[in-house]
Amino acid sequence: MFARIKKAGRYEYLQIVENHREDKKSVQRVIATVGRIDELKGKGDIEGLIRSLSRFSERALMVL
């Protein structure tokens, strides 16, 4: 899984995406659209999301 920015019109959205194989092709599936980047940055929600997800990582190091 990974995060990506998807452009739609004049807005950019943060999405969580996974890759999997169908036959011999790699296919991406959107797990969740988190929200518009400008709104997430404005509220500081991106940092909160990263902080929350880092609790589940054994190797991630977060600098405050």
PDB file of N, CA and C in Angstrom:
ATOM      1  N   MET A   1       0.829  -1.178   0.000  1.00  0.00           N
ATOM      2  CA  MET A   1       0.000   0.000   0.000  1.00  0.00           C
ATOM      3  C   MET A   1       0.873   1.241   0.000  1.00  0.00           C
ATOM      4  N   PHE A   2       0.297   2.300  -0.524  1.00  0.00           N
ATOM      5  CA  PHE A   2       1.012   3.557  -0.564  1.00  0.00           C
ATOM      6  C   PHE A   2       0.013   4.704  -0.666  1.00  0.00           C
ATOM      7  N   ALA A   3       0.498   5.911  -0.421  1.00  0.00           N
ATOM      8  CA  ALA A   3      -0.333   7.104  -0.553  1.00  0.00           C
ATOM      9  C   ALA A   3       0.012   7.780  -1.866  1.00  0.00           C
ATOM     10  N   ARG A   4      -1.000   8.361  -2.491  1.00  0.00           N
ATOM     11  CA  ARG A   4      -0.752   9.123  -3.714  1.00  0.00           C
ATOM     12  C   ARG A   4      -1.673  10.325  -3.746  1.00  0.00           C
ATOM     13  N   ILE A   5      -1.304  11.284  -4.583  1.00  0.00           N
ATOM     14  CA  ILE A   5      -2.137  12.457  -4.804  1.00  0.00           C
ATOM     15  C   ILE A   5      -2.795  12.300  -6.164  1.00  0.00           C
ATOM     16  N   LYS A   6      -4.110  12.429  -6.184  1.00  0.00           N
ATOM     17  CA  LYS A   6      -4.891  12.306  -7.412  1.00  0.00           C
ATOM     18  C   LYS A   6      -5.482  13.671  -7.747  1.00  0.00           C
ATOM     19  N   LYS A   7      -5.226  14.153  -8.954  1.00  0.00           N
ATOM     20  CA  LYS A   7      -5.771  15.435  -9.387  1.00  0.00           C
ATOM     21  C   LYS A   7      -7.145  15.206 -10.011  1.00  0.00           C
ATOM     22  N   ALA A   8      -8.087  16.047  -9.622  1.00  0.00           N
ATOM     23  CA  ALA A   8      -9.438  16.003 -10.187  1.00  0.00           C
ATOM     24  C   ALA A   8      -9.901  17.449 -10.329  1.00  0.00           C
ATOM     25  N   GLY A   9      -9.917  17.918 -11.554  1.00  0.00           N
ATOM     26  CA  GLY A   9     -10.251  19.321 -11.777  1.00  0.00           C
ATOM     27  C   GLY A   9      -9.173  20.202 -11.189  1.00  0.00           C
ATOM     28  N   ARG A  10      -9.579  21.147 -10.371  1.00  0.00           N
ATOM     29  CA  ARG A  10      -8.584  22.043  -9.768  1.00  0.00           C
ATOM     30  C   ARG A  10      -8.151  21.586  -8.383  1.00  0.00           C
ATOM     31  N   TYR A  11      -8.634  20.455  -7.929  1.00  0.00           N
ATOM     32  CA  TYR A  11      -8.322  19.950  -6.600  1.00  0.00           C
ATOM     33  C   TYR A  11      -7.400  18.741  -6.664  1.00  0.00           C
ATOM     34  N   GLU A  12      -6.679  18.508  -5.550  1.00  0.00           N
ATOM     35  CA  GLU A  12      -5.834  17.330  -5.392  1.00  0.00           C
ATOM     36  C   GLU A  12      -6.315  16.586  -4.157  1.00  0.00           C
ATOM     37  N   TYR A  13      -6.427  15.267  -4.290  1.00  0.00           N
ATOM     38  CA  TYR A  13      -6.934  14.428  -3.211  1.00  0.00           C
ATOM     39  C   TYR A  13      -5.872  13.431  -2.765  1.00  0.00           C
ATOM     40  N   LEU A  14      -5.791  13.192  -1.465  1.00  0.00           N
ATOM     41  CA  LEU A  14      -4.897  12.186  -0.913  1.00  0.00           C
ATOM     42  C   LEU A  14      -5.629  10.854  -0.891  1.00  0.00           C
ATOM     43  N   GLN A  15      -5.023   9.834  -1.511  1.00  0.00           N
ATOM     44  CA  GLN A  15      -5.632   8.515  -1.571  1.00  0.00           C
ATOM     45  C   GLN A  15      -4.678   7.459  -1.026  1.00  0.00           C
ATOM     46  N   ILE A  16      -5.252   6.418  -0.427  1.00  0.00           N
ATOM     47  CA  ILE A  16      -4.516   5.236  -0.009  1.00  0.00           C
ATOM     48  C   ILE A  16      -4.820   4.164  -1.059  1.00  0.00           C
ATOM     49  N   VAL A  17      -3.766   3.588  -1.655  1.00  0.00           N
ATOM     50  CA  VAL A  17      -3.906   2.703  -2.811  1.00  0.00           C
ATOM     51  C   VAL A  17      -3.131   1.414  -2.570  1.00  0.00           C
ATOM     52  N   GLU A  18      -3.620   0.315  -3.127  1.00  0.00           N
ATOM     53  CA  GLU A  18      -2.875  -0.945  -3.078  1.00  0.00           C
ATOM     54  C   GLU A  18      -2.678  -1.462  -4.498  1.00  0.00           C
ATOM     55  N   ASN A  19      -1.601  -2.206  -4.690  1.00  0.00           N
ATOM     56  CA  ASN A  19      -1.335  -2.882  -5.961  1.00  0.00           C
ATOM     57  C   ASN A  19      -1.639  -4.364  -5.801  1.00  0.00           C
ATOM     58  N   HIS A  20      -2.181  -4.970  -6.844  1.00  0.00           N
ATOM     59  CA  HIS A  20      -2.325  -6.419  -6.880  1.00  0.00           C
ATOM     60  C   HIS A  20      -2.279  -6.865  -8.332  1.00  0.00           C
ATOM     61  N   ARG A  21      -2.144  -8.138  -8.549  1.00  0.00           N
ATOM     62  CA  ARG A  21      -2.049  -8.667  -9.911  1.00  0.00           C
ATOM     63  C   ARG A  21      -3.344  -9.339 -10.328  1.00  0.00           C
ATOM     64  N   GLU A  22      -3.757  -9.053 -11.542  1.00  0.00           N
ATOM     65  CA  GLU A  22      -4.871  -9.744 -12.186  1.00  0.00           C
ATOM     66  C   GLU A  22      -4.314 -10.275 -13.498  1.00  0.00           C
ATOM     67  N   ASP A  23      -4.358 -11.578 -13.643  1.00  0.00           N
ATOM     68  CA  ASP A  23      -3.684 -12.251 -14.754  1.00  0.00           C
ATOM     69  C   ASP A  23      -2.211 -11.880 -14.683  1.00  0.00           C
ATOM     70  N   LYS A  24      -1.688 -11.202 -15.675  1.00  0.00           N
ATOM     71  CA  LYS A  24      -0.279 -10.810 -15.639  1.00  0.00           C
ATOM     72  C   LYS A  24      -0.110  -9.301 -15.532  1.00  0.00           C
ATOM     73  N   LYS A  25      -1.203  -8.594 -15.223  1.00  0.00           N
ATOM     74  CA  LYS A  25      -1.164  -7.146 -15.126  1.00  0.00           C
ATOM     75  C   LYS A  25      -1.179  -6.699 -13.674  1.00  0.00           C
ATOM     76  N   SER A  26      -0.440  -5.632 -13.406  1.00  0.00           N
ATOM     77  CA  SER A  26      -0.490  -5.001 -12.099  1.00  0.00           C
ATOM     78  C   SER A  26      -1.637  -4.001 -12.110  1.00  0.00           C
ATOM     79  N   VAL A  27      -2.519  -4.110 -11.128  1.00  0.00           N
ATOM     80  CA  VAL A  27      -3.710  -3.274 -11.068  1.00  0.00           C
ATOM     81  C   VAL A  27      -3.718  -2.538  -9.736  1.00  0.00           C
ATOM     82  N   GLN A  28      -4.099  -1.261  -9.771  1.00  0.00           N
ATOM     83  CA  GLN A  28      -4.202  -0.484  -8.549  1.00  0.00           C
ATOM     84  C   GLN A  28      -5.661  -0.377  -8.126  1.00  0.00           C
ATOM     85  N   ARG A  29      -5.874  -0.422  -6.796  1.00  0.00           N
ATOM     86  CA  ARG A  29      -7.218  -0.281  -6.250  1.00  0.00           C
ATOM     87  C   ARG A  29      -7.164   0.764  -5.147  1.00  0.00           C
ATOM     88  N   VAL A  30      -8.067   1.737  -5.220  1.00  0.00           N
ATOM     89  CA  VAL A  30      -8.136   2.776  -4.197  1.00  0.00           C
ATOM     90  C   VAL A  30      -8.823   2.197  -2.969  1.00  0.00           C
ATOM     91  N   ILE A  31      -8.120   2.195  -1.850  1.00  0.00           N
ATOM     92  CA  ILE A  31      -8.660   1.720  -0.583  1.00  0.00           C
ATOM     93  C   ILE A  31      -9.510   2.823   0.049  1.00  0.00           C
ATOM     94  N   ALA A  32      -8.976   4.055   0.048  1.00  0.00           N
ATOM     95  CA  ALA A  32      -9.707   5.176   0.644  1.00  0.00           C
ATOM     96  C   ALA A  32      -9.230   6.490   0.051  1.00  0.00           C
ATOM     97  N   THR A  33     -10.145   7.418  -0.084  1.00  0.00           N
ATOM     98  CA  THR A  33      -9.796   8.789  -0.396  1.00  0.00           C
ATOM     99  C   THR A  33      -9.903   9.551   0.914  1.00  0.00           C
ATOM    100  N   VAL A  34      -8.764  10.040   1.390  1.00  0.00           N
ATOM    101  CA  VAL A  34      -8.692  10.668   2.705  1.00  0.00           C
ATOM    102  C   VAL A  34      -9.316  12.062   2.678  1.00  0.00           C
ATOM    103  N   GLY A  35      -9.062  12.806   1.618  1.00  0.00           N
ATOM    104  CA  GLY A  35      -9.640  14.144   1.508  1.00  0.00           C
ATOM    105  C   GLY A  35      -8.819  15.038   0.612  1.00  0.00           C
ATOM    106  N   ARG A  36      -9.278  16.277   0.486  1.00  0.00           N
ATOM    107  CA  ARG A  36      -8.565  17.248  -0.339  1.00  0.00           C
ATOM    108  C   ARG A  36      -7.299  17.699   0.378  1.00  0.00           C
ATOM    109  N   ILE A  37      -6.203  17.746  -0.366  1.00  0.00           N
ATOM    110  CA  ILE A  37      -4.900  18.114   0.198  1.00  0.00           C
ATOM    111  C   ILE A  37      -4.945  19.501   0.835  1.00  0.00           C
ATOM    112  N   ASP A  38      -5.537  20.483   0.169  1.00  0.00           N
ATOM    113  CA  ASP A  38      -5.555  21.842   0.714  1.00  0.00           C
ATOM    114  C   ASP A  38      -6.302  21.900   2.045  1.00  0.00           C
ATOM    115  N   GLU A  39      -7.377  21.162   2.190  1.00  0.00           N
ATOM    116  CA  GLU A  39      -8.132  21.150   3.449  1.00  0.00           C
ATOM    117  C   GLU A  39      -7.386  20.393   4.540  1.00  0.00           C
ATOM    118  N   LEU A  40      -6.759  19.271   4.177  1.00  0.00           N
ATOM    119  CA  LEU A  40      -6.001  18.489   5.159  1.00  0.00           C
ATOM    120  C   LEU A  40      -4.819  19.283   5.698  1.00  0.00           C
ATOM    121  N   LYS A  41      -4.117  19.990   4.806  1.00  0.00           N
ATOM    122  CA  LYS A  41      -2.982  20.810   5.240  1.00  0.00           C
ATOM    123  C   LYS A  41      -3.455  21.975   6.093  1.00  0.00           C
ATOM    124  N   GLY A  42      -4.572  22.574   5.719  1.00  0.00           N
ATOM    125  CA  GLY A  42      -5.099  23.722   6.452  1.00  0.00           C
ATOM    126  C   GLY A  42      -5.457  23.377   7.889  1.00  0.00           C
ATOM    127  N   LYS A  43      -5.970  22.194   8.118  1.00  0.00           N
ATOM    128  CA  LYS A  43      -6.375  21.775   9.463  1.00  0.00           C
ATOM    129  C   LYS A  43      -5.263  21.059  10.216  1.00  0.00           C
ATOM    130  N   GLY A  44      -4.160  20.726   9.537  1.00  0.00           N
ATOM    131  CA  GLY A  44      -3.075  19.979  10.177  1.00  0.00           C
ATOM    132  C   GLY A  44      -3.387  18.500  10.322  1.00  0.00           C
ATOM    133  N   ASP A  45      -4.338  17.994   9.541  1.00  0.00           N
ATOM    134  CA  ASP A  45      -4.763  16.597   9.661  1.00  0.00           C
ATOM    135  C   ASP A  45      -3.751  15.599   9.119  1.00  0.00           C
ATOM    136  N   ILE A  46      -2.899  16.011   8.197  1.00  0.00           N
ATOM    137  CA  ILE A  46      -1.922  15.077   7.632  1.00  0.00           C
ATOM    138  C   ILE A  46      -0.940  14.634   8.718  1.00  0.00           C
ATOM    139  N   GLU A  47      -0.448  15.574   9.509  1.00  0.00           N
ATOM    140  CA  GLU A  47       0.482  15.236  10.579  1.00  0.00           C
ATOM    141  C   GLU A  47      -0.185  14.316  11.601  1.00  0.00           C
ATOM    142  N   GLY A  48      -1.437  14.576  11.917  1.00  0.00           N
ATOM    143  CA  GLY A  48      -2.169  13.723  12.854  1.00  0.00           C
ATOM    144  C   GLY A  48      -2.342  12.313  12.335  1.00  0.00           C
ATOM    145  N   LEU A  49      -2.616  12.194  11.055  1.00  0.00           N
ATOM    146  CA  LEU A  49      -2.769  10.881  10.431  1.00  0.00           C
ATOM    147  C   LEU A  49      -1.450  10.112  10.456  1.00  0.00           C
ATOM    148  N   ILE A  50      -0.364  10.784  10.124  1.00  0.00           N
ATOM    149  CA  ILE A  50       0.949  10.141  10.143  1.00  0.00           C
ATOM    150  C   ILE A  50       1.311   9.700  11.555  1.00  0.00           C
ATOM    151  N   ARG A  51       1.062  10.575  12.531  1.00  0.00           N
ATOM    152  CA  ARG A  51       1.345  10.242  13.925  1.00  0.00           C
ATOM    153  C   ARG A  51       0.550   9.009  14.361  1.00  0.00           C
ATOM    154  N   SER A  52      -0.712   8.968  13.975  1.00  0.00           N
ATOM    155  CA  SER A  52      -1.578   7.852  14.345  1.00  0.00           C
ATOM    156  C   SER A  52      -1.118   6.545  13.701  1.00  0.00           C
ATOM    157  N   LEU A  53      -0.778   6.572  12.413  1.00  0.00           N
ATOM    158  CA  LEU A  53      -0.339   5.366  11.708  1.00  0.00           C
ATOM    159  C   LEU A  53       1.027   4.885  12.166  1.00  0.00           C
ATOM    160  N   SER A  54       1.883   5.809  12.621  1.00  0.00           N
ATOM    161  CA  SER A  54       3.234   5.417  13.016  1.00  0.00           C
ATOM    162  C   SER A  54       3.229   4.503  14.245  1.00  0.00           C
ATOM    163  N   ARG A  55       2.148   4.493  15.005  1.00  0.00           N
ATOM    164  CA  ARG A  55       2.060   3.601  16.171  1.00  0.00           C
ATOM    165  C   ARG A  55       2.125   2.129  15.768  1.00  0.00           C
ATOM    166  N   PHE A  56       1.746   1.833  14.530  1.00  0.00           N
ATOM    167  CA  PHE A  56       1.688   0.449  14.079  1.00  0.00           C
ATOM    168  C   PHE A  56       2.958   0.003  13.368  1.00  0.00           C
ATOM    169  N   SER A  57       3.920   0.902  13.212  1.00  0.00           N
ATOM    170  CA  SER A  57       5.163   0.576  12.525  1.00  0.00           C
ATOM    171  C   SER A  57       6.258   0.257  13.527  1.00  0.00           C
ATOM    172  N   GLU A  58       6.999  -0.795  13.259  1.00  0.00           N
ATOM    173  CA  GLU A  58       8.119  -1.161  14.107  1.00  0.00           C
ATOM    174  C   GLU A  58       9.389  -0.443  13.696  1.00  0.00           C
ATOM    175  N   ARG A  59       9.430   0.061  12.461  1.00  0.00           N
ATOM    176  CA  ARG A  59      10.664   0.663  11.956  1.00  0.00           C
ATOM    177  C   ARG A  59      10.579   2.163  11.722  1.00  0.00           C
ATOM    178  N   ALA A  60       9.391   2.730  11.741  1.00  0.00           N
ATOM    179  CA  ALA A  60       9.252   4.157  11.436  1.00  0.00           C
ATOM    180  C   ALA A  60       9.787   5.009  12.575  1.00  0.00           C
ATOM    181  N   LEU A  61      10.477   6.056  12.220  1.00  0.00           N
ATOM    182  CA  LEU A  61      10.970   7.019  13.185  1.00  0.00           C
ATOM    183  C   LEU A  61      10.316   8.349  12.852  1.00  0.00           C
ATOM    184  N   MET A  62       9.634   8.908  13.824  1.00  0.00           N
ATOM    185  CA  MET A  62       8.958  10.177  13.590  1.00  0.00           C
ATOM    186  C   MET A  62       9.678  11.281  14.325  1.00  0.00           C
ATOM    187  N   VAL A  63       9.967  12.363  13.632  1.00  0.00           N
ATOM    188  CA  VAL A  63      10.628  13.511  14.215  1.00  0.00           C
ATOM    189  C   VAL A  63       9.583  14.586  14.416  1.00  0.00           C
ATOM    190  N   LEU A  64       9.497  15.105  15.627  1.00  0.00           N
ATOM    191  CA  LEU A  64       8.497  16.149  15.924  1.00  0.00           C
ATOM    192  C   LEU A  64       9.078  17.519  15.837  1.00  0.00           C
TER     193      LEU A  64
END
